[in-house]
Amino acid sequence: MNQSNRPAEAMTSQDFLLQRVSLRQLFIFNKVCEFGSLRKTAEHLSIAQPSISAILRDLETTVEAPLLERSPRGVQLTSYGELFAQHARSILAAAEYAWNDLRDLKYARRGSLSVGILPLASNQAFTSAVGQLRAERPFVKVALKDGLYRDVIEMLRKGDVSIAYGWIAPDLEADTIKCTVLEREEWLIFGRHDHPLLRHDNLDPESLARAAWVVPLRNSAIRPLVAECFNLLEIGFPDNSLECSSMLFSRSLLAQTDHLMLAPKGLFLADLASGLLVSKSFSGRASRLSVGYMQRTNHVLSPSERFFVECLTQPLG
C-alpha cells in the first residue's frame, strides 16, 4: 500500500496530554453544561458569547469529538459530551483541591513542623510561640523532640528536626548551623520557697560551698557554663552535688529538699510565680546565657516553619 494512502493513526493519550487543553476550557465547558445555554454562560462569566463558542470549538477539535449539539433552544450534550463532562468535573475538582492545598501551604494553614527542644530552654517564650501556632494554625502538625544538647544538635544536622530552640553554645559550627539569638538570659540560683540560704539579701560563699547542688552531667555541653557561674560565686565547683539531666526531677528535688540549682532565669518562671520556688541573683556578677533558635544553613524554612519563627520572635505581651 502506498504510504500516502494509509489512514491517519488515532491520537494517543500522550498526544492528548500534550495538547493545549486548559483548565479555562474545562471550566467554561462545565458552565455550559450547567446552564445549557451559551448566552447564559456568557452572561454569568462576563465573557462575550463568540469567545465562548470559539473556546468550545477548540476543545472539540482537541478531543476529536463533538461534545455539544447546538440549537435555537440552547445546547445539549452528545454522548461524547456526557462522558467528557464527567471527567471534566473530576479534573476541575482535583484542580480546586490542589489550589486550596497550595494556598494552605503558602500561608501555613497546613503543613508540618518538627522542633528540637534543648535543655534549659526557657519555657515562657517557647510555650507562647507553640500556643500561638496551635491557635492560629490548628491544622499544622507539630512534633516537639527534646534530648541532651548534643543529641538535639545532631537531630538538627541530620534533618530530623528543622528548628532547634534553647541556649546557643558559642562553639557551634557556623558553616553548618545558623544561630539567631533572641535574648540573653540571666543565670540565677533556684531553691525551695523557704530555703534558709536564700532568705538573706547577701549570699554567703562559705554556706553556698557547703550546700547541696543539682548540676548537669559531667559530659553535658552546659556543664562549662555552670562551672563558670560557680567561679563567679567564688566557690568553685561544689563537691556536694548531684548530677541530673531531667528537668522534671530537678524541679521536684528543688521543691522538696534543700538542694540548690543554677539555671537561666526563664526556666522556672511558672514556679516562681506560684511561689513553689524562689531565686537569687549573683549581686550583679551574673553570667548570661544566649537563647534563641537554630537551623541548618542550607535549609529553606517552609511556610509553617517561618510562621513559628515569627511567633518566637514576637515580644511577650
C-alpha atoms as a PDB file:
ATOM      1  CA  MET A   1       0.000   0.000   0.000  1.00  0.00           C
ATOM      2  CA  ASN A   2       1.202   3.464  -0.826  1.00  0.00           C
ATOM      3  CA  GLN A   3       2.438   5.308   2.281  1.00  0.00           C
ATOM      4  CA  SER A   4       0.390   8.379   1.375  1.00  0.00           C
ATOM      5  CA  ASN A   5      -2.848   6.310   1.209  1.00  0.00           C
ATOM      6  CA  ARG A   6      -2.566   4.948   4.754  1.00  0.00           C
ATOM      7  CA  PRO A   7      -5.238   6.175   7.182  1.00  0.00           C
ATOM      8  CA  ALA A   8      -4.030   8.620   9.802  1.00  0.00           C
ATOM      9  CA  GLU A   9      -3.229   6.999  13.139  1.00  0.00           C
ATOM     10  CA  ALA A  10      -5.533   7.837  16.046  1.00  0.00           C
ATOM     11  CA  MET A  11      -4.272  10.256  18.694  1.00  0.00           C
ATOM     12  CA  THR A  12      -2.677   8.519  21.673  1.00  0.00           C
ATOM     13  CA  SER A  13      -3.310   9.511  25.281  1.00  0.00           C
ATOM     14  CA  GLN A  14       0.142  11.057  25.401  1.00  0.00           C
ATOM     15  CA  ASP A  15      -0.657  13.094  22.311  1.00  0.00           C
ATOM     16  CA  PHE A  16      -3.828  14.293  24.014  1.00  0.00           C
ATOM     17  CA  LEU A  17      -1.987  15.269  27.198  1.00  0.00           C
ATOM     18  CA  LEU A  18       0.454  17.303  25.130  1.00  0.00           C
ATOM     19  CA  GLN A  19      -2.395  19.286  23.573  1.00  0.00           C
ATOM     20  CA  ARG A  20      -3.307  22.693  24.897  1.00  0.00           C
ATOM     21  CA  VAL A  21      -6.332  21.660  26.904  1.00  0.00           C
ATOM     22  CA  SER A  22      -6.613  24.230  29.673  1.00  0.00           C
ATOM     23  CA  LEU A  23      -8.495  24.419  32.927  1.00  0.00           C
ATOM     24  CA  ARG A  24     -10.164  27.514  31.475  1.00  0.00           C
ATOM     25  CA  GLN A  25     -11.616  25.441  28.629  1.00  0.00           C
ATOM     26  CA  LEU A  26     -12.829  22.767  31.028  1.00  0.00           C
ATOM     27  CA  PHE A  27     -14.315  25.345  33.372  1.00  0.00           C
ATOM     28  CA  ILE A  28     -16.245  27.073  30.587  1.00  0.00           C
ATOM     29  CA  PHE A  29     -17.407  23.728  29.171  1.00  0.00           C
ATOM     30  CA  ASN A  30     -18.628  22.738  32.627  1.00  0.00           C
ATOM     31  CA  LYS A  31     -20.548  26.004  32.969  1.00  0.00           C
ATOM     32  CA  VAL A  32     -22.184  25.475  29.562  1.00  0.00           C
ATOM     33  CA  CYS A  33     -23.270  22.030  30.768  1.00  0.00           C
ATOM     34  CA  GLU A  34     -24.659  23.633  33.932  1.00  0.00           C
ATOM     35  CA  PHE A  35     -26.622  26.420  32.203  1.00  0.00           C
ATOM     36  CA  GLY A  36     -27.474  24.589  28.974  1.00  0.00           C
ATOM     37  CA  SER A  37     -27.008  27.833  27.082  1.00  0.00           C
ATOM     38  CA  LEU A  38     -24.084  29.707  25.572  1.00  0.00           C
ATOM     39  CA  ARG A  39     -25.819  33.042  26.189  1.00  0.00           C
ATOM     40  CA  LYS A  40     -26.445  32.368  29.900  1.00  0.00           C
ATOM     41  CA  THR A  41     -22.890  31.110  30.323  1.00  0.00           C
ATOM     42  CA  ALA A  42     -21.505  34.230  28.646  1.00  0.00           C
ATOM     43  CA  GLU A  43     -23.609  36.480  30.885  1.00  0.00           C
ATOM     44  CA  HIS A  44     -22.637  34.582  34.029  1.00  0.00           C
ATOM     45  CA  LEU A  45     -18.910  34.696  33.267  1.00  0.00           C
ATOM     46  CA  SER A  46     -18.952  38.168  31.694  1.00  0.00           C
ATOM     47  CA  ILE A  47     -17.346  36.773  28.529  1.00  0.00           C
ATOM     48  CA  ALA A  48     -18.543  37.555  25.022  1.00  0.00           C
ATOM     49  CA  GLN A  49     -20.638  34.732  23.545  1.00  0.00           C
ATOM     50  CA  PRO A  50     -18.483  34.451  20.380  1.00  0.00           C
ATOM     51  CA  SER A  51     -15.469  33.862  22.645  1.00  0.00           C
ATOM     52  CA  ILE A  52     -17.352  31.080  24.444  1.00  0.00           C
ATOM     53  CA  SER A  53     -18.201  29.463  21.088  1.00  0.00           C
ATOM     54  CA  ALA A  54     -14.568  29.689  19.921  1.00  0.00           C
ATOM     55  CA  ILE A  55     -13.270  28.101  23.132  1.00  0.00           C
ATOM     56  CA  LEU A  56     -15.709  25.191  22.795  1.00  0.00           C
ATOM     57  CA  ARG A  57     -14.794  24.621  19.134  1.00  0.00           C
ATOM     58  CA  ASP A  58     -11.105  24.499  20.077  1.00  0.00           C
ATOM     59  CA  LEU A  59     -11.886  21.975  22.803  1.00  0.00           C
ATOM     60  CA  GLU A  60     -13.869  19.767  20.397  1.00  0.00           C
ATOM     61  CA  THR A  61     -11.032  19.933  17.888  1.00  0.00           C
ATOM     62  CA  THR A  62      -8.545  18.869  20.556  1.00  0.00           C
ATOM     63  CA  VAL A  63     -10.586  15.889  21.795  1.00  0.00           C
ATOM     64  CA  GLU A  64     -11.530  14.962  18.202  1.00  0.00           C
ATOM     65  CA  ALA A  65     -15.219  14.551  19.062  1.00  0.00           C
ATOM     66  CA  PRO A  66     -18.380  16.682  19.048  1.00  0.00           C
ATOM     67  CA  LEU A  67     -19.304  17.493  22.627  1.00  0.00           C
ATOM     68  CA  LEU A  68     -22.374  19.689  22.144  1.00  0.00           C
ATOM     69  CA  GLU A  69     -25.387  19.859  19.864  1.00  0.00           C
ATOM     70  CA  ARG A  70     -26.407  23.446  19.259  1.00  0.00           C
ATOM     71  CA  SER A  71     -29.969  24.549  18.579  1.00  0.00           C
ATOM     72  CA  PRO A  72     -32.050  27.752  18.925  1.00  0.00           C
ATOM     73  CA  ARG A  73     -33.265  26.422  22.271  1.00  0.00           C
ATOM     74  CA  GLY A  74     -29.757  26.021  23.636  1.00  0.00           C
ATOM     75  CA  VAL A  75     -27.179  23.252  23.700  1.00  0.00           C
ATOM     76  CA  GLN A  76     -27.331  19.587  24.598  1.00  0.00           C
ATOM     77  CA  LEU A  77     -24.558  17.164  25.381  1.00  0.00           C
ATOM     78  CA  THR A  78     -23.737  14.488  22.877  1.00  0.00           C
ATOM     79  CA  SER A  79     -22.848  11.014  24.108  1.00  0.00           C
ATOM     80  CA  TYR A  80     -19.200  12.110  23.844  1.00  0.00           C
ATOM     81  CA  GLY A  81     -20.060  15.275  25.764  1.00  0.00           C
ATOM     82  CA  GLU A  82     -21.772  13.373  28.591  1.00  0.00           C
ATOM     83  CA  LEU A  83     -18.710  11.186  29.074  1.00  0.00           C
ATOM     84  CA  PHE A  84     -16.264  14.081  28.806  1.00  0.00           C
ATOM     85  CA  ALA A  85     -18.320  16.198  31.241  1.00  0.00           C
ATOM     86  CA  GLN A  86     -17.858  13.576  33.979  1.00  0.00           C
ATOM     87  CA  HIS A  87     -14.096  13.682  33.581  1.00  0.00           C
ATOM     88  CA  ALA A  88     -14.072  17.478  33.289  1.00  0.00           C
ATOM     89  CA  ARG A  89     -15.853  17.800  36.639  1.00  0.00           C
ATOM     90  CA  SER A  90     -13.355  15.428  38.269  1.00  0.00           C
ATOM     91  CA  ILE A  91     -10.396  17.339  36.826  1.00  0.00           C
ATOM     92  CA  LEU A  92     -11.815  20.683  37.962  1.00  0.00           C
ATOM     93  CA  ALA A  93     -12.488  19.353  41.468  1.00  0.00           C
ATOM     94  CA  ALA A  94      -8.939  17.968  41.709  1.00  0.00           C
ATOM     95  CA  ALA A  95      -7.525  21.280  40.476  1.00  0.00           C
ATOM     96  CA  GLU A  96      -9.546  23.155  43.086  1.00  0.00           C
ATOM     97  CA  TYR A  97      -8.293  20.830  45.823  1.00  0.00           C
ATOM     98  CA  ALA A  98      -4.726  21.333  44.593  1.00  0.00           C
ATOM     99  CA  TRP A  99      -5.178  25.106  44.602  1.00  0.00           C
ATOM    100  CA  ASN A 100      -6.571  25.084  48.140  1.00  0.00           C
ATOM    101  CA  ASP A 101      -3.763  22.799  49.345  1.00  0.00           C
ATOM    102  CA  LEU A 102      -1.165  25.119  47.819  1.00  0.00           C
ATOM    103  CA  ARG A 103      -2.806  28.121  49.456  1.00  0.00           C
ATOM    104  CA  ASP A 104      -2.869  26.323  52.790  1.00  0.00           C
ATOM    105  CA  LEU A 105       0.822  25.500  52.420  1.00  0.00           C
ATOM    106  CA  LYS A 106       1.755  29.008  51.271  1.00  0.00           C
ATOM    107  CA  TYR A 107       0.003  30.676  54.186  1.00  0.00           C
ATOM    108  CA  ALA A 108       0.973  27.957  56.704  1.00  0.00           C
ATOM    109  CA  ARG A 109      -2.601  26.844  57.270  1.00  0.00           C
ATOM    110  CA  ARG A 110      -1.416  23.273  56.822  1.00  0.00           C
ATOM    111  CA  GLY A 111       1.945  21.538  56.819  1.00  0.00           C
ATOM    112  CA  SER A 112       4.244  20.075  59.430  1.00  0.00           C
ATOM    113  CA  LEU A 113       6.753  21.375  61.941  1.00  0.00           C
ATOM    114  CA  SER A 114       9.419  19.465  63.859  1.00  0.00           C
ATOM    115  CA  VAL A 115      11.266  21.336  66.620  1.00  0.00           C
ATOM    116  CA  GLY A 116      14.094  20.164  68.847  1.00  0.00           C
ATOM    117  CA  ILE A 117      13.991  21.460  72.425  1.00  0.00           C
ATOM    118  CA  LEU A 118      17.372  21.947  74.050  1.00  0.00           C
ATOM    119  CA  PRO A 119      17.989  21.508  77.781  1.00  0.00           C
ATOM    120  CA  LEU A 120      17.436  24.655  79.862  1.00  0.00           C
ATOM    121  CA  ALA A 121      15.175  26.101  77.168  1.00  0.00           C
ATOM    122  CA  SER A 122      13.152  28.981  78.596  1.00  0.00           C
ATOM    123  CA  ASN A 123       9.548  27.826  78.892  1.00  0.00           C
ATOM    124  CA  GLN A 124       7.737  31.150  78.544  1.00  0.00           C
ATOM    125  CA  ALA A 125       8.742  32.292  75.056  1.00  0.00           C
ATOM    126  CA  PHE A 126       8.665  28.794  73.614  1.00  0.00           C
ATOM    127  CA  THR A 127       5.322  27.883  75.190  1.00  0.00           C
ATOM    128  CA  SER A 128       3.835  31.161  73.999  1.00  0.00           C
ATOM    129  CA  ALA A 129       5.031  30.532  70.431  1.00  0.00           C
ATOM    130  CA  VAL A 130       3.665  26.968  70.370  1.00  0.00           C
ATOM    131  CA  GLY A 131       0.370  28.198  71.817  1.00  0.00           C
ATOM    132  CA  GLN A 132       0.029  30.894  69.161  1.00  0.00           C
ATOM    133  CA  LEU A 133       0.853  28.421  66.394  1.00  0.00           C
ATOM    134  CA  ARG A 134      -1.753  25.933  67.633  1.00  0.00           C
ATOM    135  CA  ALA A 135      -4.382  28.659  67.997  1.00  0.00           C
ATOM    136  CA  GLU A 136      -3.858  30.301  64.606  1.00  0.00           C
ATOM    137  CA  ARG A 137      -2.757  27.274  62.561  1.00  0.00           C
ATOM    138  CA  PRO A 138      -4.567  24.295  64.167  1.00  0.00           C
ATOM    139  CA  PHE A 139      -4.066  22.007  61.158  1.00  0.00           C
ATOM    140  CA  VAL A 140      -0.270  22.272  61.149  1.00  0.00           C
ATOM    141  CA  LYS A 141       1.134  19.009  62.526  1.00  0.00           C
ATOM    142  CA  VAL A 142       3.655  19.742  65.273  1.00  0.00           C
ATOM    143  CA  ALA A 143       6.291  17.369  66.684  1.00  0.00           C
ATOM    144  CA  LEU A 144       8.419  18.502  69.641  1.00  0.00           C
ATOM    145  CA  LYS A 145      11.531  16.457  70.408  1.00  0.00           C
ATOM    146  CA  ASP A 146      13.747  17.013  73.436  1.00  0.00           C
ATOM    147  CA  GLY A 147      17.027  15.467  74.443  1.00  0.00           C
ATOM    148  CA  LEU A 148      20.554  16.188  75.569  1.00  0.00           C
ATOM    149  CA  TYR A 149      22.240  19.125  73.866  1.00  0.00           C
ATOM    150  CA  ARG A 150      24.457  17.068  71.565  1.00  0.00           C
ATOM    151  CA  ASP A 151      21.548  14.784  70.633  1.00  0.00           C
ATOM    152  CA  VAL A 152      19.281  17.680  69.633  1.00  0.00           C
ATOM    153  CA  ILE A 153      22.045  19.355  67.619  1.00  0.00           C
ATOM    154  CA  GLU A 154      22.696  16.051  65.852  1.00  0.00           C
ATOM    155  CA  MET A 155      18.955  15.761  65.046  1.00  0.00           C
ATOM    156  CA  LEU A 156      19.146  19.244  63.560  1.00  0.00           C
ATOM    157  CA  ARG A 157      22.193  18.407  61.434  1.00  0.00           C
ATOM    158  CA  LYS A 158      20.556  15.201  60.131  1.00  0.00           C
ATOM    159  CA  GLY A 159      17.273  16.950  59.342  1.00  0.00           C
ATOM    160  CA  ASP A 160      15.224  15.049  61.939  1.00  0.00           C
ATOM    161  CA  VAL A 161      14.140  18.475  63.204  1.00  0.00           C
ATOM    162  CA  SER A 162      14.060  21.662  61.159  1.00  0.00           C
ATOM    163  CA  ILE A 163      14.485  24.080  64.071  1.00  0.00           C
ATOM    164  CA  ALA A 164      16.135  23.764  67.459  1.00  0.00           C
ATOM    165  CA  TYR A 165      15.270  26.131  70.301  1.00  0.00           C
ATOM    166  CA  GLY A 166      17.144  26.828  73.505  1.00  0.00           C
ATOM    167  CA  TRP A 167      20.522  28.049  74.661  1.00  0.00           C
ATOM    168  CA  ILE A 168      23.154  28.610  71.991  1.00  0.00           C
ATOM    169  CA  ALA A 169      26.659  27.303  72.626  1.00  0.00           C
ATOM    170  CA  PRO A 170      29.452  29.617  71.441  1.00  0.00           C
ATOM    171  CA  ASP A 171      31.317  26.767  69.736  1.00  0.00           C
ATOM    172  CA  LEU A 172      28.594  25.734  67.239  1.00  0.00           C
ATOM    173  CA  GLU A 173      29.905  25.336  63.683  1.00  0.00           C
ATOM    174  CA  ALA A 174      28.762  28.470  61.854  1.00  0.00           C
ATOM    175  CA  ASP A 175      29.215  26.837  58.443  1.00  0.00           C
ATOM    176  CA  THR A 176      26.559  24.173  59.123  1.00  0.00           C
ATOM    177  CA  ILE A 177      24.195  25.801  61.642  1.00  0.00           C
ATOM    178  CA  LYS A 178      22.760  29.303  61.599  1.00  0.00           C
ATOM    179  CA  CYS A 179      22.016  30.725  65.058  1.00  0.00           C
ATOM    180  CA  THR A 180      19.647  33.585  65.868  1.00  0.00           C
ATOM    181  CA  VAL A 181      19.911  34.978  69.391  1.00  0.00           C
ATOM    182  CA  LEU A 182      16.566  36.221  70.728  1.00  0.00           C
ATOM    183  CA  GLU A 183      17.656  37.185  74.250  1.00  0.00           C
ATOM    184  CA  ARG A 184      20.389  36.819  76.809  1.00  0.00           C
ATOM    185  CA  GLU A 185      19.020  35.278  79.993  1.00  0.00           C
ATOM    186  CA  GLU A 186      20.488  35.885  83.409  1.00  0.00           C
ATOM    187  CA  TRP A 187      21.570  32.895  85.459  1.00  0.00           C
ATOM    188  CA  LEU A 188      20.040  32.649  88.939  1.00  0.00           C
ATOM    189  CA  ILE A 189      20.227  30.393  91.962  1.00  0.00           C
ATOM    190  CA  PHE A 190      16.984  28.462  92.493  1.00  0.00           C
ATOM    191  CA  GLY A 191      15.716  26.720  95.605  1.00  0.00           C
ATOM    192  CA  ARG A 192      12.533  25.968  97.528  1.00  0.00           C
ATOM    193  CA  HIS A 193      10.475  28.926  98.753  1.00  0.00           C
ATOM    194  CA  ASP A 194      11.713  28.704 102.356  1.00  0.00           C
ATOM    195  CA  HIS A 195      15.310  27.689 101.674  1.00  0.00           C
ATOM    196  CA  PRO A 196      17.438  29.069 104.553  1.00  0.00           C
ATOM    197  CA  LEU A 197      20.299  30.233 102.303  1.00  0.00           C
ATOM    198  CA  LEU A 198      18.009  32.229 100.013  1.00  0.00           C
ATOM    199  CA  ARG A 199      16.249  34.205 102.739  1.00  0.00           C
ATOM    200  CA  HIS A 200      19.041  36.746 103.126  1.00  0.00           C
ATOM    201  CA  ASP A 201      19.905  39.581 100.783  1.00  0.00           C
ATOM    202  CA  ASN A 202      23.616  38.728 100.754  1.00  0.00           C
ATOM    203  CA  LEU A 203      24.833  35.311  99.679  1.00  0.00           C
ATOM    204  CA  ASP A 204      27.417  33.684 101.933  1.00  0.00           C
ATOM    205  CA  PRO A 205      30.075  31.956  99.760  1.00  0.00           C
ATOM    206  CA  GLU A 206      31.072  29.520 102.515  1.00  0.00           C
ATOM    207  CA  SER A 207      27.492  28.392 103.073  1.00  0.00           C
ATOM    208  CA  LEU A 208      26.936  28.068  99.322  1.00  0.00           C
ATOM    209  CA  ALA A 209      30.085  25.949  99.007  1.00  0.00           C
ATOM    210  CA  ARG A 210      28.765  23.522 101.651  1.00  0.00           C
ATOM    211  CA  ALA A 211      25.228  23.392 100.179  1.00  0.00           C
ATOM    212  CA  ALA A 212      23.813  20.508  98.122  1.00  0.00           C
ATOM    213  CA  TRP A 213      23.536  21.339  94.420  1.00  0.00           C
ATOM    214  CA  VAL A 214      21.838  19.843  91.381  1.00  0.00           C
ATOM    215  CA  VAL A 215      24.271  20.052  88.455  1.00  0.00           C
ATOM    216  CA  PRO A 216      24.364  18.897  84.808  1.00  0.00           C
ATOM    217  CA  LEU A 217      26.003  15.627  83.806  1.00  0.00           C
ATOM    218  CA  ARG A 218      29.791  15.673  83.614  1.00  0.00           C
ATOM    219  CA  ASN A 219      29.879  15.298  79.802  1.00  0.00           C
ATOM    220  CA  SER A 220      26.980  17.664  79.050  1.00  0.00           C
ATOM    221  CA  ALA A 221      27.534  20.737  76.906  1.00  0.00           C
ATOM    222  CA  ILE A 222      26.009  23.049  79.534  1.00  0.00           C
ATOM    223  CA  ARG A 223      28.399  21.955  82.298  1.00  0.00           C
ATOM    224  CA  PRO A 224      31.160  24.515  81.473  1.00  0.00           C
ATOM    225  CA  LEU A 225      28.657  27.368  81.745  1.00  0.00           C
ATOM    226  CA  VAL A 226      27.513  26.132  85.146  1.00  0.00           C
ATOM    227  CA  ALA A 227      31.154  25.870  86.223  1.00  0.00           C
ATOM    228  CA  GLU A 228      31.673  29.485  85.120  1.00  0.00           C
ATOM    229  CA  CYS A 229      28.751  30.543  87.325  1.00  0.00           C
ATOM    230  CA  PHE A 230      30.252  28.759  90.325  1.00  0.00           C
ATOM    231  CA  ASN A 231      33.505  30.628  89.681  1.00  0.00           C
ATOM    232  CA  LEU A 232      31.582  33.907  89.659  1.00  0.00           C
ATOM    233  CA  LEU A 233      30.147  32.917  93.026  1.00  0.00           C
ATOM    234  CA  GLU A 234      33.754  32.361  94.165  1.00  0.00           C
ATOM    235  CA  ILE A 235      33.056  28.864  95.475  1.00  0.00           C
ATOM    236  CA  GLY A 236      34.394  26.596  92.729  1.00  0.00           C
ATOM    237  CA  PHE A 237      32.521  23.527  91.576  1.00  0.00           C
ATOM    238  CA  PRO A 238      30.887  22.046  94.711  1.00  0.00           C
ATOM    239  CA  ASP A 239      31.745  18.576  95.962  1.00  0.00           C
ATOM    240  CA  ASN A 240      28.241  18.122  97.397  1.00  0.00           C
ATOM    241  CA  SER A 241      26.479  17.834  94.037  1.00  0.00           C
ATOM    242  CA  LEU A 242      24.004  15.527  92.342  1.00  0.00           C
ATOM    243  CA  GLU A 243      24.262  15.124  88.571  1.00  0.00           C
ATOM    244  CA  CYS A 244      20.887  15.093  86.805  1.00  0.00           C
ATOM    245  CA  SER A 245      19.722  15.516  83.222  1.00  0.00           C
ATOM    246  CA  SER A 246      15.971  15.535  83.981  1.00  0.00           C
ATOM    247  CA  MET A 247      14.456  18.987  84.444  1.00  0.00           C
ATOM    248  CA  LEU A 248      11.282  17.400  85.851  1.00  0.00           C
ATOM    249  CA  PHE A 249      13.165  15.538  88.600  1.00  0.00           C
ATOM    250  CA  SER A 250      15.408  18.546  89.262  1.00  0.00           C
ATOM    251  CA  ARG A 251      12.308  20.682  89.809  1.00  0.00           C
ATOM    252  CA  SER A 252      10.881  18.159  92.280  1.00  0.00           C
ATOM    253  CA  LEU A 253      14.202  17.918  94.081  1.00  0.00           C
ATOM    254  CA  LEU A 254      14.417  21.693  94.454  1.00  0.00           C
ATOM    255  CA  ALA A 255      10.850  21.963  95.755  1.00  0.00           C
ATOM    256  CA  GLN A 256      11.106  19.143  98.299  1.00  0.00           C
ATOM    257  CA  THR A 257      14.696  19.275  99.582  1.00  0.00           C
ATOM    258  CA  ASP A 258      17.439  21.761 100.424  1.00  0.00           C
ATOM    259  CA  HIS A 259      19.152  21.351  97.057  1.00  0.00           C
ATOM    260  CA  LEU A 260      20.041  24.444  95.050  1.00  0.00           C
ATOM    261  CA  MET A 261      20.445  24.770  91.290  1.00  0.00           C
ATOM    262  CA  LEU A 262      21.949  27.258  88.853  1.00  0.00           C
ATOM    263  CA  ALA A 263      19.726  27.851  85.831  1.00  0.00           C
ATOM    264  CA  PRO A 264      18.645  30.566  83.374  1.00  0.00           C
ATOM    265  CA  LYS A 265      16.025  32.983  84.649  1.00  0.00           C
ATOM    266  CA  GLY A 266      13.241  31.801  82.354  1.00  0.00           C
ATOM    267  CA  LEU A 267      13.437  28.109  83.165  1.00  0.00           C
ATOM    268  CA  PHE A 268      11.272  28.140  86.295  1.00  0.00           C
ATOM    269  CA  LEU A 269       9.120  31.226  85.713  1.00  0.00           C
ATOM    270  CA  ALA A 270       5.846  29.426  86.472  1.00  0.00           C
ATOM    271  CA  ASP A 271       7.262  28.009  89.719  1.00  0.00           C
ATOM    272  CA  LEU A 272       8.498  31.437  90.753  1.00  0.00           C
ATOM    273  CA  ALA A 273       5.081  32.934  90.032  1.00  0.00           C
ATOM    274  CA  SER A 274       3.309  30.224  92.051  1.00  0.00           C
ATOM    275  CA  GLY A 275       5.714  30.572  94.965  1.00  0.00           C
ATOM    276  CA  LEU A 276       6.918  26.976  94.749  1.00  0.00           C
ATOM    277  CA  LEU A 277      10.495  28.150  94.135  1.00  0.00           C
ATOM    278  CA  VAL A 278      12.464  31.317  94.783  1.00  0.00           C
ATOM    279  CA  SER A 279      15.550  32.664  93.056  1.00  0.00           C
ATOM    280  CA  LYS A 280      18.529  34.806  93.893  1.00  0.00           C
ATOM    281  CA  SER A 281      20.761  36.761  91.527  1.00  0.00           C
ATOM    282  CA  PHE A 282      24.546  36.926  91.769  1.00  0.00           C
ATOM    283  CA  SER A 283      24.501  40.528  93.003  1.00  0.00           C
ATOM    284  CA  GLY A 284      25.429  41.989  89.642  1.00  0.00           C
ATOM    285  CA  ARG A 285      28.038  39.332  88.825  1.00  0.00           C
ATOM    286  CA  ALA A 286      25.672  37.068  86.887  1.00  0.00           C
ATOM    287  CA  SER A 287      26.652  35.259  83.755  1.00  0.00           C
ATOM    288  CA  ARG A 288      24.195  35.426  80.869  1.00  0.00           C
ATOM    289  CA  LEU A 289      23.029  32.686  78.516  1.00  0.00           C
ATOM    290  CA  SER A 290      22.326  33.281  74.817  1.00  0.00           C
ATOM    291  CA  VAL A 291      18.892  31.883  73.974  1.00  0.00           C
ATOM    292  CA  GLY A 292      17.378  31.590  70.511  1.00  0.00           C
ATOM    293  CA  TYR A 293      16.724  29.232  67.641  1.00  0.00           C
ATOM    294  CA  MET A 294      18.957  27.348  65.233  1.00  0.00           C
ATOM    295  CA  GLN A 295      18.506  25.995  61.720  1.00  0.00           C
ATOM    296  CA  ARG A 296      20.720  24.349  59.129  1.00  0.00           C
ATOM    297  CA  THR A 297      22.436  26.932  56.951  1.00  0.00           C
ATOM    298  CA  ASN A 298      21.325  25.183  53.744  1.00  0.00           C
ATOM    299  CA  HIS A 299      17.702  24.705  54.869  1.00  0.00           C
ATOM    300  CA  VAL A 300      14.967  26.960  53.479  1.00  0.00           C
ATOM    301  CA  LEU A 301      12.204  27.281  56.048  1.00  0.00           C
ATOM    302  CA  SER A 302       8.759  26.101  54.974  1.00  0.00           C
ATOM    303  CA  PRO A 303       5.758  28.443  55.437  1.00  0.00           C
ATOM    304  CA  SER A 304       4.751  26.721  58.694  1.00  0.00           C
ATOM    305  CA  GLU A 305       8.345  26.907  59.967  1.00  0.00           C
ATOM    306  CA  ARG A 306       8.553  30.603  59.057  1.00  0.00           C
ATOM    307  CA  PHE A 307       5.295  31.268  60.891  1.00  0.00           C
ATOM    308  CA  PHE A 308       6.623  29.525  64.008  1.00  0.00           C
ATOM    309  CA  VAL A 309       9.790  31.636  63.878  1.00  0.00           C
ATOM    310  CA  GLU A 310       7.592  34.741  63.650  1.00  0.00           C
ATOM    311  CA  CYS A 311       5.762  33.546  66.778  1.00  0.00           C
ATOM    312  CA  LEU A 312       9.072  33.024  68.560  1.00  0.00           C
ATOM    313  CA  THR A 313      10.369  36.490  67.717  1.00  0.00           C
ATOM    314  CA  GLN A 314       7.247  38.363  68.830  1.00  0.00           C
ATOM    315  CA  PRO A 315       7.652  40.160  72.152  1.00  0.00           C
ATOM    316  CA  LEU A 316       5.737  38.603  75.006  1.00  0.00           C
ATOM    317  CA  GLY A 317       2.611  40.501  75.986  1.00  0.00           C
END
